[in-house]
Amino acid sequence: MSPSTYSPTQLVLTFTDNEQWRYSITAIKIDGQFVLNVSDIFTAGQISITLPQPPTPGNHVVVIEALGYADVTVNATYNGL
């Protein structure tokens, strides 16, 4: 899994699709803060997360929790505008 877009309003993660895992996602956290909401889009091989506020420049830890699966941790770097 890797970040493909990290903007002030959105984080897009790409991955080798596993439909069962994707449908089992229960939480997404960035730096320990829950960010999963109903406007997030889960498609084959991609998760588009709407950010509640612009991230600070630097490295951020993204954790995806899915029922019945080990947590997935991704490091994402936001370079600012």
PDB file of N, CA and C in Angstrom:
ATOM      1  N   MET A   1       0.857  -1.164   0.000  1.00  0.00           N
ATOM      2  CA  MET A   1       0.000   0.000   0.000  1.00  0.00           C
ATOM      3  C   MET A   1       0.898   1.219   0.000  1.00  0.00           C
ATOM      4  N   SER A   2       0.488   2.242  -0.767  1.00  0.00           N
ATOM      5  CA  SER A   2       1.280   3.464  -0.807  1.00  0.00           C
ATOM      6  C   SER A   2       0.385   4.667  -1.075  1.00  0.00           C
ATOM      7  N   PRO A   3       0.804   5.828  -0.580  1.00  0.00           N
ATOM      8  CA  PRO A   3       0.041   7.045  -0.873  1.00  0.00           C
ATOM      9  C   PRO A   3       0.314   7.484  -2.306  1.00  0.00           C
ATOM     10  N   SER A   4      -0.736   7.831  -3.042  1.00  0.00           N
ATOM     11  CA  SER A   4      -0.534   8.332  -4.400  1.00  0.00           C
ATOM     12  C   SER A   4      -0.849   9.817  -4.493  1.00  0.00           C
ATOM     13  N   THR A   5      -1.707  10.312  -3.612  1.00  0.00           N
ATOM     14  CA  THR A   5      -2.042  11.730  -3.551  1.00  0.00           C
ATOM     15  C   THR A   5      -2.161  12.128  -2.093  1.00  0.00           C
ATOM     16  N   TYR A   6      -1.551  13.248  -1.732  1.00  0.00           N
ATOM     17  CA  TYR A   6      -1.699  13.781  -0.374  1.00  0.00           C
ATOM     18  C   TYR A   6      -1.806  15.286  -0.530  1.00  0.00           C
ATOM     19  N   SER A   7      -3.026  15.792  -0.434  1.00  0.00           N
ATOM     20  CA  SER A   7      -3.296  17.213  -0.626  1.00  0.00           C
ATOM     21  C   SER A   7      -3.927  17.778   0.641  1.00  0.00           C
ATOM     22  N   PRO A   8      -4.194  19.079   0.673  1.00  0.00           N
ATOM     23  CA  PRO A   8      -4.823  19.658   1.873  1.00  0.00           C
ATOM     24  C   PRO A   8      -6.203  19.070   2.190  1.00  0.00           C
ATOM     25  N   THR A   9      -6.867  18.481   1.201  1.00  0.00           N
ATOM     26  CA  THR A   9      -8.229  17.996   1.425  1.00  0.00           C
ATOM     27  C   THR A   9      -8.400  16.494   1.267  1.00  0.00           C
ATOM     28  N   GLN A  10      -7.370  15.804   0.759  1.00  0.00           N
ATOM     29  CA  GLN A  10      -7.571  14.398   0.434  1.00  0.00           C
ATOM     30  C   GLN A  10      -6.260  13.603   0.515  1.00  0.00           C
ATOM     31  N   LEU A  11      -6.404  12.351   0.960  1.00  0.00           N
ATOM     32  CA  LEU A  11      -5.315  11.384   0.912  1.00  0.00           C
ATOM     33  C   LEU A  11      -5.823  10.189   0.129  1.00  0.00           C
ATOM     34  N   VAL A  12      -5.098   9.819  -0.929  1.00  0.00           N
ATOM     35  CA  VAL A  12      -5.469   8.663  -1.735  1.00  0.00           C
ATOM     36  C   VAL A  12      -4.390   7.600  -1.561  1.00  0.00           C
ATOM     37  N   LEU A  13      -4.820   6.410  -1.162  1.00  0.00           N
ATOM     38  CA  LEU A  13      -3.918   5.278  -0.990  1.00  0.00           C
ATOM     39  C   LEU A  13      -4.216   4.247  -2.067  1.00  0.00           C
ATOM     40  N   THR A  14      -3.177   3.691  -2.657  1.00  0.00           N
ATOM     41  CA  THR A  14      -3.358   2.633  -3.651  1.00  0.00           C
ATOM     42  C   THR A  14      -2.773   1.339  -3.104  1.00  0.00           C
ATOM     43  N   PHE A  15      -3.356   0.210  -3.533  1.00  0.00           N
ATOM     44  CA  PHE A  15      -2.946  -1.091  -3.019  1.00  0.00           C
ATOM     45  C   PHE A  15      -3.402  -2.183  -3.962  1.00  0.00           C
ATOM     46  N   THR A  16      -2.793  -3.359  -3.805  1.00  0.00           N
ATOM     47  CA  THR A  16      -3.263  -4.530  -4.531  1.00  0.00           C
ATOM     48  C   THR A  16      -4.599  -4.916  -3.912  1.00  0.00           C
ATOM     49  N   ASP A  17      -5.632  -4.932  -4.720  1.00  0.00           N
ATOM     50  CA  ASP A  17      -6.980  -5.075  -4.175  1.00  0.00           C
ATOM     51  C   ASP A  17      -7.228  -6.440  -3.547  1.00  0.00           C
ATOM     52  N   ASN A  18      -7.943  -6.392  -2.425  1.00  0.00           N
ATOM     53  CA  ASN A  18      -8.498  -7.558  -1.755  1.00  0.00           C
ATOM     54  C   ASN A  18      -9.895  -7.110  -1.335  1.00  0.00           C
ATOM     55  N   GLU A  19     -10.890  -7.509  -2.106  1.00  0.00           N
ATOM     56  CA  GLU A  19     -12.253  -7.020  -1.891  1.00  0.00           C
ATOM     57  C   GLU A  19     -12.773  -7.313  -0.491  1.00  0.00           C
ATOM     58  N   GLN A  20     -12.490  -8.501   0.036  1.00  0.00           N
ATOM     59  CA  GLN A  20     -12.968  -8.835   1.378  1.00  0.00           C
ATOM     60  C   GLN A  20     -12.340  -7.915   2.422  1.00  0.00           C
ATOM     61  N   TRP A  21     -11.038  -7.657   2.303  1.00  0.00           N
ATOM     62  CA  TRP A  21     -10.376  -6.729   3.233  1.00  0.00           C
ATOM     63  C   TRP A  21     -10.978  -5.342   3.106  1.00  0.00           C
ATOM     64  N   ARG A  22     -11.146  -4.873   1.877  1.00  0.00           N
ATOM     65  CA  ARG A  22     -11.675  -3.520   1.645  1.00  0.00           C
ATOM     66  C   ARG A  22     -13.049  -3.352   2.293  1.00  0.00           C
ATOM     67  N   TYR A  23     -13.913  -4.364   2.168  1.00  0.00           N
ATOM     68  CA  TYR A  23     -15.249  -4.279   2.758  1.00  0.00           C
ATOM     69  C   TYR A  23     -15.233  -4.458   4.277  1.00  0.00           C
ATOM     70  N   SER A  24     -14.105  -4.899   4.838  1.00  0.00           N
ATOM     71  CA  SER A  24     -13.991  -5.121   6.278  1.00  0.00           C
ATOM     72  C   SER A  24     -13.380  -3.937   7.017  1.00  0.00           C
ATOM     73  N   ILE A  25     -13.015  -2.868   6.297  1.00  0.00           N
ATOM     74  CA  ILE A  25     -12.383  -1.719   6.941  1.00  0.00           C
ATOM     75  C   ILE A  25     -13.358  -1.087   7.937  1.00  0.00           C
ATOM     76  N   THR A  26     -12.864  -0.899   9.171  1.00  0.00           N
ATOM     77  CA  THR A  26     -13.699  -0.326  10.228  1.00  0.00           C
ATOM     78  C   THR A  26     -13.175   1.014  10.722  1.00  0.00           C
ATOM     79  N   ALA A  27     -11.884   1.292  10.490  1.00  0.00           N
ATOM     80  CA  ALA A  27     -11.312   2.543  10.988  1.00  0.00           C
ATOM     81  C   ALA A  27     -10.101   2.923  10.154  1.00  0.00           C
ATOM     82  N   ILE A  28      -9.940   4.229   9.975  1.00  0.00           N
ATOM     83  CA  ILE A  28      -8.730   4.789   9.377  1.00  0.00           C
ATOM     84  C   ILE A  28      -8.282   5.909  10.305  1.00  0.00           C
ATOM     85  N   LYS A  29      -7.012   5.868  10.670  1.00  0.00           N
ATOM     86  CA  LYS A  29      -6.459   6.883  11.563  1.00  0.00           C
ATOM     87  C   LYS A  29      -5.220   7.503  10.914  1.00  0.00           C
ATOM     88  N   ILE A  30      -5.072   8.797  11.098  1.00  0.00           N
ATOM     89  CA  ILE A  30      -3.848   9.486  10.713  1.00  0.00           C
ATOM     90  C   ILE A  30      -3.278  10.089  11.982  1.00  0.00           C
ATOM     91  N   ASP A  31      -2.069   9.675  12.310  1.00  0.00           N
ATOM     92  CA  ASP A  31      -1.409  10.109  13.546  1.00  0.00           C
ATOM     93  C   ASP A  31      -2.302   9.900  14.767  1.00  0.00           C
ATOM     94  N   GLY A  32      -3.026   8.765  14.782  1.00  0.00           N
ATOM     95  CA  GLY A  32      -3.851   8.406  15.926  1.00  0.00           C
ATOM     96  C   GLY A  32      -5.248   9.006  15.942  1.00  0.00           C
ATOM     97  N   GLN A  33      -5.558   9.879  14.985  1.00  0.00           N
ATOM     98  CA  GLN A  33      -6.876  10.521  14.930  1.00  0.00           C
ATOM     99  C   GLN A  33      -7.760   9.833  13.888  1.00  0.00           C
ATOM    100  N   PHE A  34      -8.977   9.472  14.287  1.00  0.00           N
ATOM    101  CA  PHE A  34      -9.905   8.841  13.352  1.00  0.00           C
ATOM    102  C   PHE A  34     -10.259   9.809  12.227  1.00  0.00           C
ATOM    103  N   VAL A  35     -10.212   9.326  10.980  1.00  0.00           N
ATOM    104  CA  VAL A  35     -10.574  10.171   9.839  1.00  0.00           C
ATOM    105  C   VAL A  35     -11.590   9.503   8.916  1.00  0.00           C
ATOM    106  N   LEU A  36     -11.974   8.266   9.208  1.00  0.00           N
ATOM    107  CA  LEU A  36     -12.938   7.565   8.365  1.00  0.00           C
ATOM    108  C   LEU A  36     -14.297   8.244   8.464  1.00  0.00           C
ATOM    109  N   ASN A  37     -14.899   8.566   7.301  1.00  0.00           N
ATOM    110  CA  ASN A  37     -16.245   9.140   7.307  1.00  0.00           C
ATOM    111  C   ASN A  37     -17.011   8.651   6.094  1.00  0.00           C
ATOM    112  N   VAL A  38     -18.289   8.968   6.025  1.00  0.00           N
ATOM    113  CA  VAL A  38     -19.156   8.433   4.979  1.00  0.00           C
ATOM    114  C   VAL A  38     -18.799   8.938   3.587  1.00  0.00           C
ATOM    115  N   SER A  39     -18.058  10.028   3.481  1.00  0.00           N
ATOM    116  CA  SER A  39     -17.703  10.534   2.156  1.00  0.00           C
ATOM    117  C   SER A  39     -16.442   9.880   1.588  1.00  0.00           C
ATOM    118  N   ASP A  40     -15.777   9.020   2.379  1.00  0.00           N
ATOM    119  CA  ASP A  40     -14.606   8.323   1.873  1.00  0.00           C
ATOM    120  C   ASP A  40     -15.031   7.320   0.806  1.00  0.00           C
ATOM    121  N   ILE A  41     -14.161   7.130  -0.177  1.00  0.00           N
ATOM    122  CA  ILE A  41     -14.485   6.279  -1.315  1.00  0.00           C
ATOM    123  C   ILE A  41     -13.529   5.092  -1.346  1.00  0.00           C
ATOM    124  N   PHE A  42     -14.095   3.901  -1.358  1.00  0.00           N
ATOM    125  CA  PHE A  42     -13.324   2.667  -1.422  1.00  0.00           C
ATOM    126  C   PHE A  42     -13.624   2.004  -2.761  1.00  0.00           C
ATOM    127  N   THR A  43     -12.637   1.916  -3.627  1.00  0.00           N
ATOM    128  CA  THR A  43     -12.796   1.238  -4.906  1.00  0.00           C
ATOM    129  C   THR A  43     -11.679   0.214  -5.039  1.00  0.00           C
ATOM    130  N   ALA A  44     -11.765  -0.634  -6.048  1.00  0.00           N
ATOM    131  CA  ALA A  44     -10.753  -1.672  -6.247  1.00  0.00           C
ATOM    132  C   ALA A  44      -9.373  -1.040  -6.329  1.00  0.00           C
ATOM    133  N   GLY A  45      -8.531  -1.350  -5.345  1.00  0.00           N
ATOM    134  CA  GLY A  45      -7.156  -0.886  -5.344  1.00  0.00           C
ATOM    135  C   GLY A  45      -6.937   0.546  -4.905  1.00  0.00           C
ATOM    136  N   GLN A  46      -7.977   1.188  -4.373  1.00  0.00           N
ATOM    137  CA  GLN A  46      -7.812   2.599  -3.991  1.00  0.00           C
ATOM    138  C   GLN A  46      -8.763   2.999  -2.860  1.00  0.00           C
ATOM    139  N   ILE A  47      -8.224   3.784  -1.930  1.00  0.00           N
ATOM    140  CA  ILE A  47      -9.025   4.396  -0.869  1.00  0.00           C
ATOM    141  C   ILE A  47      -8.802   5.896  -0.958  1.00  0.00           C
ATOM    142  N   SER A  48      -9.880   6.656  -1.093  1.00  0.00           N
ATOM    143  CA  SER A  48      -9.812   8.121  -1.124  1.00  0.00           C
ATOM    144  C   SER A  48     -10.409   8.652   0.170  1.00  0.00           C
ATOM    145  N   ILE A  49      -9.559   9.284   0.984  1.00  0.00           N
ATOM    146  CA  ILE A  49      -9.958   9.761   2.300  1.00  0.00           C
ATOM    147  C   ILE A  49     -10.098  11.276   2.273  1.00  0.00           C
ATOM    148  N   THR A  50     -11.273  11.782   2.648  1.00  0.00           N
ATOM    149  CA  THR A  50     -11.487  13.217   2.782  1.00  0.00           C
ATOM    150  C   THR A  50     -10.943  13.636   4.137  1.00  0.00           C
ATOM    151  N   LEU A  51     -10.018  14.576   4.137  1.00  0.00           N
ATOM    152  CA  LEU A  51      -9.376  14.998   5.377  1.00  0.00           C
ATOM    153  C   LEU A  51     -10.214  16.046   6.101  1.00  0.00           C
ATOM    154  N   PRO A  52     -10.345  15.930   7.425  1.00  0.00           N
ATOM    155  CA  PRO A  52     -11.147  16.880   8.186  1.00  0.00           C
ATOM    156  C   PRO A  52     -10.503  18.273   8.266  1.00  0.00           C
ATOM    157  N   GLN A  53      -9.187  18.332   8.091  1.00  0.00           N
ATOM    158  CA  GLN A  53      -8.458  19.596   8.101  1.00  0.00           C
ATOM    159  C   GLN A  53      -7.154  19.389   7.348  1.00  0.00           C
ATOM    160  N   PRO A  54      -6.554  20.449   6.831  1.00  0.00           N
ATOM    161  CA  PRO A  54      -5.288  20.293   6.113  1.00  0.00           C
ATOM    162  C   PRO A  54      -4.211  19.724   7.036  1.00  0.00           C
ATOM    163  N   PRO A  55      -3.416  18.783   6.538  1.00  0.00           N
ATOM    164  CA  PRO A  55      -2.350  18.225   7.369  1.00  0.00           C
ATOM    165  C   PRO A  55      -1.190  19.205   7.505  1.00  0.00           C
ATOM    166  N   THR A  56      -0.412  19.024   8.543  1.00  0.00           N
ATOM    167  CA  THR A  56       0.810  19.806   8.685  1.00  0.00           C
ATOM    168  C   THR A  56       1.872  19.163   7.792  1.00  0.00           C
ATOM    169  N   PRO A  57       2.778  19.962   7.236  1.00  0.00           N
ATOM    170  CA  PRO A  57       3.846  19.376   6.430  1.00  0.00           C
ATOM    171  C   PRO A  57       4.665  18.390   7.259  1.00  0.00           C
ATOM    172  N   GLY A  58       5.095  17.318   6.628  1.00  0.00           N
ATOM    173  CA  GLY A  58       5.918  16.326   7.308  1.00  0.00           C
ATOM    174  C   GLY A  58       5.388  14.922   7.119  1.00  0.00           C
ATOM    175  N   ASN A  59       5.933  14.001   7.894  1.00  0.00           N
ATOM    176  CA  ASN A  59       5.554  12.592   7.818  1.00  0.00           C
ATOM    177  C   ASN A  59       4.365  12.306   8.721  1.00  0.00           C
ATOM    178  N   HIS A  60       3.463  11.469   8.225  1.00  0.00           N
ATOM    179  CA  HIS A  60       2.275  11.096   8.978  1.00  0.00           C
ATOM    180  C   HIS A  60       2.093   9.584   8.901  1.00  0.00           C
ATOM    181  N   VAL A  61       1.602   9.003   9.995  1.00  0.00           N
ATOM    182  CA  VAL A  61       1.370   7.564  10.060  1.00  0.00           C
ATOM    183  C   VAL A  61      -0.118   7.307   9.852  1.00  0.00           C
ATOM    184  N   VAL A  62      -0.431   6.508   8.840  1.00  0.00           N
ATOM    185  CA  VAL A  62      -1.803   6.143   8.521  1.00  0.00           C
ATOM    186  C   VAL A  62      -1.996   4.682   8.916  1.00  0.00           C
ATOM    187  N   VAL A  63      -3.023   4.411   9.715  1.00  0.00           N
ATOM    188  CA  VAL A  63      -3.322   3.039  10.128  1.00  0.00           C
ATOM    189  C   VAL A  63      -4.732   2.710   9.653  1.00  0.00           C
ATOM    190  N   ILE A  64      -4.853   1.567   8.974  1.00  0.00           N
ATOM    191  CA  ILE A  64      -6.149   1.096   8.501  1.00  0.00           C
ATOM    192  C   ILE A  64      -6.479  -0.182   9.258  1.00  0.00           C
ATOM    193  N   GLU A  65      -7.635  -0.175   9.913  1.00  0.00           N
ATOM    194  CA  GLU A  65      -8.090  -1.333  10.674  1.00  0.00           C
ATOM    195  C   GLU A  65      -9.234  -1.990   9.916  1.00  0.00           C
ATOM    196  N   ALA A  66      -9.162  -3.312   9.798  1.00  0.00           N
ATOM    197  CA  ALA A  66     -10.203  -4.071   9.119  1.00  0.00           C
ATOM    198  C   ALA A  66     -10.526  -5.299   9.966  1.00  0.00           C
ATOM    199  N   LEU A  67     -11.799  -5.546  10.174  1.00  0.00           N
ATOM    200  CA  LEU A  67     -12.256  -6.660  11.004  1.00  0.00           C
ATOM    201  C   LEU A  67     -11.728  -7.984  10.458  1.00  0.00           C
ATOM    202  N   GLY A  68     -10.998  -8.719  11.314  1.00  0.00           N
ATOM    203  CA  GLY A  68     -10.471 -10.013  10.921  1.00  0.00           C
ATOM    204  C   GLY A  68      -9.114  -9.963  10.235  1.00  0.00           C
ATOM    205  N   TYR A  69      -8.528  -8.775  10.104  1.00  0.00           N
ATOM    206  CA  TYR A  69      -7.234  -8.614   9.440  1.00  0.00           C
ATOM    207  C   TYR A  69      -6.279  -7.834  10.346  1.00  0.00           C
ATOM    208  N   ALA A  70      -4.987  -8.041  10.139  1.00  0.00           N
ATOM    209  CA  ALA A  70      -3.995  -7.251  10.858  1.00  0.00           C
ATOM    210  C   ALA A  70      -4.062  -5.804  10.382  1.00  0.00           C
ATOM    211  N   ASP A  71      -3.773  -4.873  11.286  1.00  0.00           N
ATOM    212  CA  ASP A  71      -3.740  -3.456  10.906  1.00  0.00           C
ATOM    213  C   ASP A  71      -2.687  -3.230   9.827  1.00  0.00           C
ATOM    214  N   VAL A  72      -2.985  -2.310   8.919  1.00  0.00           N
ATOM    215  CA  VAL A  72      -2.037  -1.913   7.879  1.00  0.00           C
ATOM    216  C   VAL A  72      -1.552  -0.513   8.222  1.00  0.00           C
ATOM    217  N   THR A  73      -0.234  -0.339   8.275  1.00  0.00           N
ATOM    218  CA  THR A  73       0.365   0.951   8.578  1.00  0.00           C
ATOM    219  C   THR A  73       1.106   1.465   7.352  1.00  0.00           C
ATOM    220  N   VAL A  74       0.844   2.738   7.025  1.00  0.00           N
ATOM    221  CA  VAL A  74       1.463   3.377   5.862  1.00  0.00           C
ATOM    222  C   VAL A  74       2.044   4.711   6.315  1.00  0.00           C
ATOM    223  N   ASN A  75       3.243   5.021   5.884  1.00  0.00           N
ATOM    224  CA  ASN A  75       3.823   6.329   6.130  1.00  0.00           C
ATOM    225  C   ASN A  75       3.549   7.221   4.931  1.00  0.00           C
ATOM    226  N   ALA A  76       2.981   8.392   5.169  1.00  0.00           N
ATOM    227  CA  ALA A  76       2.666   9.336   4.106  1.00  0.00           C
ATOM    228  C   ALA A  76       3.336  10.669   4.417  1.00  0.00           C
ATOM    229  N   THR A  77       3.952  11.262   3.435  1.00  0.00           N
ATOM    230  CA  THR A  77       4.627  12.550   3.619  1.00  0.00           C
ATOM    231  C   THR A  77       3.836  13.634   2.905  1.00  0.00           C
ATOM    232  N   TYR A  78       3.470  14.663   3.651  1.00  0.00           N
ATOM    233  CA  TYR A  78       2.784  15.821   3.083  1.00  0.00           C
ATOM    234  C   TYR A  78       3.801  16.951   3.004  1.00  0.00           C
ATOM    235  N   ASN A  79       3.997  17.470   1.797  1.00  0.00           N
ATOM    236  CA  ASN A  79       5.013  18.502   1.584  1.00  0.00           C
ATOM    237  C   ASN A  79       4.463  19.918   1.675  1.00  0.00           C
ATOM    238  N   GLY A  80       3.194  20.072   1.919  1.00  0.00           N
ATOM    239  CA  GLY A  80       2.595  21.399   1.985  1.00  0.00           C
ATOM    240  C   GLY A  80       2.083  21.816   0.619  1.00  0.00           C
ATOM    241  N   LEU A  81       1.599  23.051   0.568  1.00  0.00           N
ATOM    242  CA  LEU A  81       1.040  23.533  -0.693  1.00  0.00           C
ATOM    243  C   LEU A  81       2.163  23.760  -1.618  1.00  0.00           C
TER     244      LEU A  81
END
